[in-house]
Amino acid sequence: MNNPTSWFDAQRQGKRFFLVSVEDATIAGLEFDASWNAFSLVLEYADGNIRVVGCDGGEPEDQTLCRDWSWVVEELNAAYEEGRVTEANSP
């Protein structure tokens, strides 16, 4: 099995979030729930840890902001809060 963090280190180029195909994630050695039936994954790579933020898998009737895409608002709020805290702590 490949080492996912080494693949992301090579791809990083200052990025924290990635949009990758399921095929690339598999090639990189990332393990995830294959039952998602996803084509693409949104991944966060920070401090050597990889986290699946979201995916585009799911049933067509579930592809709404209040169901399969409800994670987007939570992630936007978390990113905003992180930026706010960082800005407040900057000299």
N, C-alpha and C. Protein backbone atom coordinates (compact mmCIF):
# COMPACT_ATOMS: atom_id res chain seq x y z
N MET A 1 0.84 -1.19 0.00
CA MET A 1 0.00 0.00 0.00
C MET A 1 0.88 1.24 0.00
N ASN A 2 0.49 2.24 -0.73
CA ASN A 2 1.21 3.51 -0.78
C ASN A 2 1.01 4.28 0.52
N ASN A 3 1.86 5.26 0.72
CA ASN A 3 1.75 6.14 1.88
C ASN A 3 0.98 7.39 1.44
N PRO A 4 -0.26 7.58 1.90
CA PRO A 4 -1.06 8.73 1.45
C PRO A 4 -0.39 10.06 1.75
N THR A 5 0.26 10.19 2.90
CA THR A 5 0.84 11.50 3.22
C THR A 5 1.97 11.86 2.28
N SER A 6 2.76 10.88 1.80
CA SER A 6 3.83 11.21 0.86
C SER A 6 3.25 11.66 -0.48
N TRP A 7 2.13 11.06 -0.91
CA TRP A 7 1.47 11.49 -2.14
C TRP A 7 0.99 12.93 -2.00
N PHE A 8 0.36 13.24 -0.88
CA PHE A 8 -0.14 14.60 -0.66
C PHE A 8 0.99 15.60 -0.48
N ASP A 9 2.09 15.19 0.16
CA ASP A 9 3.24 16.08 0.28
C ASP A 9 3.73 16.48 -1.11
N ALA A 10 3.75 15.53 -2.04
CA ALA A 10 4.21 15.81 -3.40
C ALA A 10 3.24 16.72 -4.15
N GLN A 11 1.96 16.61 -3.86
CA GLN A 11 0.93 17.39 -4.56
C GLN A 11 0.65 18.74 -3.89
N ARG A 12 1.12 18.90 -2.70
CA ARG A 12 0.66 19.98 -1.81
C ARG A 12 0.81 21.37 -2.41
N GLN A 13 2.03 21.80 -2.69
CA GLN A 13 2.29 23.12 -3.25
C GLN A 13 1.53 24.21 -2.51
N GLY A 14 1.58 24.14 -1.17
CA GLY A 14 0.95 25.17 -0.34
C GLY A 14 -0.55 25.01 -0.16
N LYS A 15 -1.13 23.96 -0.70
CA LYS A 15 -2.57 23.76 -0.60
C LYS A 15 -2.92 23.01 0.68
N ARG A 16 -4.11 23.28 1.17
CA ARG A 16 -4.62 22.55 2.33
C ARG A 16 -5.78 21.64 1.93
N PHE A 17 -6.57 22.06 0.95
CA PHE A 17 -7.72 21.28 0.51
C PHE A 17 -7.49 20.80 -0.92
N PHE A 18 -7.97 19.61 -1.19
CA PHE A 18 -7.79 18.99 -2.50
C PHE A 18 -9.12 18.43 -2.98
N LEU A 19 -9.32 18.51 -4.27
CA LEU A 19 -10.42 17.82 -4.93
C LEU A 19 -9.75 16.72 -5.74
N VAL A 20 -9.99 15.48 -5.37
CA VAL A 20 -9.34 14.36 -6.04
C VAL A 20 -10.38 13.33 -6.46
N SER A 21 -10.04 12.63 -7.51
CA SER A 21 -10.91 11.54 -7.95
C SER A 21 -10.75 10.36 -6.99
N VAL A 22 -11.73 9.51 -6.97
CA VAL A 22 -11.64 8.30 -6.16
C VAL A 22 -10.45 7.46 -6.62
N GLU A 23 -10.19 7.44 -7.93
CA GLU A 23 -9.07 6.68 -8.45
C GLU A 23 -7.74 7.21 -7.90
N ASP A 24 -7.56 8.54 -7.90
CA ASP A 24 -6.33 9.13 -7.36
C ASP A 24 -6.20 8.86 -5.87
N ALA A 25 -7.30 8.96 -5.14
CA ALA A 25 -7.26 8.68 -3.70
C ALA A 25 -6.85 7.24 -3.44
N THR A 26 -7.35 6.33 -4.27
CA THR A 26 -7.01 4.92 -4.13
C THR A 26 -5.54 4.69 -4.48
N ILE A 27 -5.06 5.33 -5.56
CA ILE A 27 -3.66 5.22 -5.95
C ILE A 27 -2.76 5.75 -4.85
N ALA A 28 -3.19 6.82 -4.19
CA ALA A 28 -2.40 7.41 -3.11
C ALA A 28 -2.39 6.53 -1.87
N GLY A 29 -3.29 5.54 -1.81
CA GLY A 29 -3.33 4.64 -0.68
C GLY A 29 -4.30 5.05 0.40
N LEU A 30 -5.15 6.01 0.11
CA LEU A 30 -6.13 6.47 1.09
C LEU A 30 -7.28 5.47 1.19
N GLU A 31 -7.64 5.12 2.39
CA GLU A 31 -8.75 4.21 2.61
C GLU A 31 -9.99 5.03 2.96
N PHE A 32 -11.12 4.69 2.37
CA PHE A 32 -12.37 5.37 2.64
C PHE A 32 -13.50 4.40 2.37
N ASP A 33 -14.68 4.78 2.77
CA ASP A 33 -15.86 3.93 2.64
C ASP A 33 -16.28 3.87 1.17
N ALA A 34 -16.02 2.75 0.51
CA ALA A 34 -16.33 2.61 -0.92
C ALA A 34 -17.82 2.59 -1.19
N SER A 35 -18.64 2.41 -0.17
CA SER A 35 -20.08 2.38 -0.38
C SER A 35 -20.65 3.77 -0.68
N TRP A 36 -19.81 4.80 -0.58
CA TRP A 36 -20.27 6.16 -0.88
C TRP A 36 -20.64 6.32 -2.34
N ASN A 37 -20.09 5.47 -3.22
CA ASN A 37 -20.35 5.58 -4.65
C ASN A 37 -19.95 6.95 -5.19
N ALA A 38 -18.83 7.45 -4.70
CA ALA A 38 -18.38 8.79 -5.06
C ALA A 38 -17.51 8.78 -6.32
N PHE A 39 -17.49 9.90 -6.99
CA PHE A 39 -16.59 10.11 -8.12
C PHE A 39 -15.42 11.00 -7.69
N SER A 40 -15.68 11.94 -6.78
CA SER A 40 -14.67 12.88 -6.32
C SER A 40 -14.77 13.05 -4.81
N LEU A 41 -13.63 13.36 -4.21
CA LEU A 41 -13.57 13.60 -2.78
C LEU A 41 -12.96 14.96 -2.51
N VAL A 42 -13.44 15.67 -1.50
CA VAL A 42 -12.80 16.87 -1.00
C VAL A 42 -12.03 16.43 0.23
N LEU A 43 -10.72 16.64 0.19
CA LEU A 43 -9.85 16.20 1.28
C LEU A 43 -9.15 17.39 1.90
N GLU A 44 -8.92 17.31 3.19
CA GLU A 44 -8.11 18.30 3.89
C GLU A 44 -6.83 17.61 4.33
N TYR A 45 -5.71 18.26 4.06
CA TYR A 45 -4.42 17.73 4.48
C TYR A 45 -3.74 18.79 5.32
N ALA A 46 -3.65 18.52 6.63
CA ALA A 46 -3.05 19.48 7.55
C ALA A 46 -2.30 18.72 8.63
N ASP A 47 -1.13 19.20 8.97
CA ASP A 47 -0.33 18.61 10.04
C ASP A 47 -0.09 17.12 9.85
N GLY A 48 0.05 16.68 8.59
CA GLY A 48 0.31 15.29 8.30
C GLY A 48 -0.91 14.38 8.38
N ASN A 49 -2.08 14.97 8.59
CA ASN A 49 -3.31 14.19 8.68
C ASN A 49 -4.19 14.47 7.46
N ILE A 50 -4.84 13.42 6.97
CA ILE A 50 -5.74 13.54 5.84
C ILE A 50 -7.15 13.27 6.33
N ARG A 51 -8.07 14.18 6.00
CA ARG A 51 -9.45 14.04 6.42
C ARG A 51 -10.35 14.17 5.20
N VAL A 52 -11.29 13.23 5.05
CA VAL A 52 -12.29 13.34 3.99
C VAL A 52 -13.32 14.35 4.48
N VAL A 53 -13.42 15.48 3.79
CA VAL A 53 -14.36 16.54 4.16
C VAL A 53 -15.73 16.24 3.56
N GLY A 54 -15.76 15.79 2.33
CA GLY A 54 -17.02 15.50 1.67
C GLY A 54 -16.79 14.79 0.36
N CYS A 55 -17.87 14.34 -0.24
CA CYS A 55 -17.78 13.66 -1.52
C CYS A 55 -19.04 13.95 -2.32
N ASP A 56 -18.98 13.58 -3.60
CA ASP A 56 -20.14 13.81 -4.46
C ASP A 56 -20.94 12.53 -4.67
N GLY A 57 -20.76 11.55 -3.80
CA GLY A 57 -21.51 10.31 -3.90
C GLY A 57 -22.92 10.47 -3.35
N GLY A 58 -23.73 9.48 -3.60
CA GLY A 58 -25.08 9.51 -3.07
C GLY A 58 -26.12 9.37 -4.16
N GLU A 59 -27.32 9.22 -3.74
CA GLU A 59 -28.43 9.09 -4.66
C GLU A 59 -28.81 10.45 -5.24
N PRO A 60 -29.21 10.51 -6.51
CA PRO A 60 -29.56 11.79 -7.14
C PRO A 60 -30.60 12.60 -6.35
N GLU A 61 -31.57 11.91 -5.78
CA GLU A 61 -32.60 12.65 -5.04
C GLU A 61 -32.09 13.23 -3.72
N ASP A 62 -30.91 12.80 -3.28
CA ASP A 62 -30.34 13.31 -2.04
C ASP A 62 -29.36 14.46 -2.27
N GLN A 63 -29.10 14.80 -3.50
CA GLN A 63 -28.11 15.83 -3.83
C GLN A 63 -28.69 17.23 -3.62
N THR A 64 -28.95 17.55 -2.38
CA THR A 64 -29.48 18.86 -2.01
C THR A 64 -28.62 19.45 -0.91
N LEU A 65 -28.71 20.76 -0.73
CA LEU A 65 -27.93 21.42 0.32
C LEU A 65 -28.35 20.99 1.72
N CYS A 66 -29.57 20.58 1.89
CA CYS A 66 -30.01 20.18 3.23
C CYS A 66 -29.77 18.70 3.50
N ARG A 67 -29.26 17.97 2.54
CA ARG A 67 -28.97 16.55 2.77
C ARG A 67 -27.50 16.26 2.50
N ASP A 68 -27.16 15.75 1.33
CA ASP A 68 -25.79 15.33 1.06
C ASP A 68 -24.78 16.48 1.08
N TRP A 69 -25.21 17.68 0.83
CA TRP A 69 -24.29 18.82 0.78
C TRP A 69 -24.35 19.68 2.04
N SER A 70 -25.00 19.19 3.08
CA SER A 70 -25.11 19.98 4.32
C SER A 70 -23.76 20.22 4.98
N TRP A 71 -22.77 19.40 4.70
CA TRP A 71 -21.44 19.57 5.27
C TRP A 71 -20.75 20.85 4.80
N VAL A 72 -21.17 21.39 3.66
CA VAL A 72 -20.50 22.56 3.09
C VAL A 72 -20.60 23.77 4.03
N VAL A 73 -21.76 24.02 4.59
CA VAL A 73 -21.93 25.18 5.48
C VAL A 73 -21.06 25.02 6.73
N GLU A 74 -21.03 23.83 7.28
CA GLU A 74 -20.19 23.58 8.46
C GLU A 74 -18.72 23.85 8.16
N GLU A 75 -18.25 23.38 7.01
CA GLU A 75 -16.85 23.59 6.64
C GLU A 75 -16.54 25.05 6.36
N LEU A 76 -17.47 25.77 5.72
CA LEU A 76 -17.27 27.20 5.49
C LEU A 76 -17.18 27.95 6.82
N ASN A 77 -18.05 27.63 7.76
CA ASN A 77 -18.01 28.27 9.07
C ASN A 77 -16.72 27.96 9.81
N ALA A 78 -16.24 26.72 9.71
CA ALA A 78 -14.98 26.35 10.36
C ALA A 78 -13.81 27.10 9.75
N ALA A 79 -13.80 27.21 8.42
CA ALA A 79 -12.72 27.94 7.75
C ALA A 79 -12.76 29.42 8.11
N TYR A 80 -13.95 29.99 8.17
CA TYR A 80 -14.09 31.40 8.55
C TYR A 80 -13.57 31.61 9.97
N GLU A 81 -13.95 30.74 10.89
CA GLU A 81 -13.53 30.86 12.28
C GLU A 81 -12.02 30.72 12.40
N GLU A 82 -11.44 29.79 11.68
CA GLU A 82 -10.00 29.62 11.72
C GLU A 82 -9.28 30.87 11.20
N GLY A 83 -9.79 31.45 10.12
CA GLY A 83 -9.21 32.68 9.59
C GLY A 83 -9.37 33.85 10.54
N ARG A 84 -10.52 33.93 11.19
CA ARG A 84 -10.78 35.00 12.15
C ARG A 84 -9.82 34.91 13.34
N VAL A 85 -9.62 33.71 13.86
CA VAL A 85 -8.73 33.51 14.99
C VAL A 85 -7.29 33.81 14.59
N THR A 86 -6.90 33.36 13.42
CA THR A 86 -5.54 33.62 12.93
C THR A 86 -5.31 35.11 12.77
N GLU A 87 -6.27 35.81 12.20
CA GLU A 87 -6.14 37.26 12.01
C GLU A 87 -6.07 37.98 13.36
N ALA A 88 -6.86 37.56 14.32
CA ALA A 88 -6.87 38.19 15.63
C ALA A 88 -5.55 37.99 16.36
N ASN A 89 -4.86 36.88 16.07
CA ASN A 89 -3.59 36.59 16.73
C ASN A 89 -2.39 37.09 15.97
N SER A 90 -2.59 37.73 14.82
CA SER A 90 -1.49 38.26 14.03
C SER A 90 -1.02 39.58 14.61
N PRO A 91 0.29 39.80 14.56
CA PRO A 91 0.83 41.08 15.09
C PRO A 91 0.42 42.27 14.27
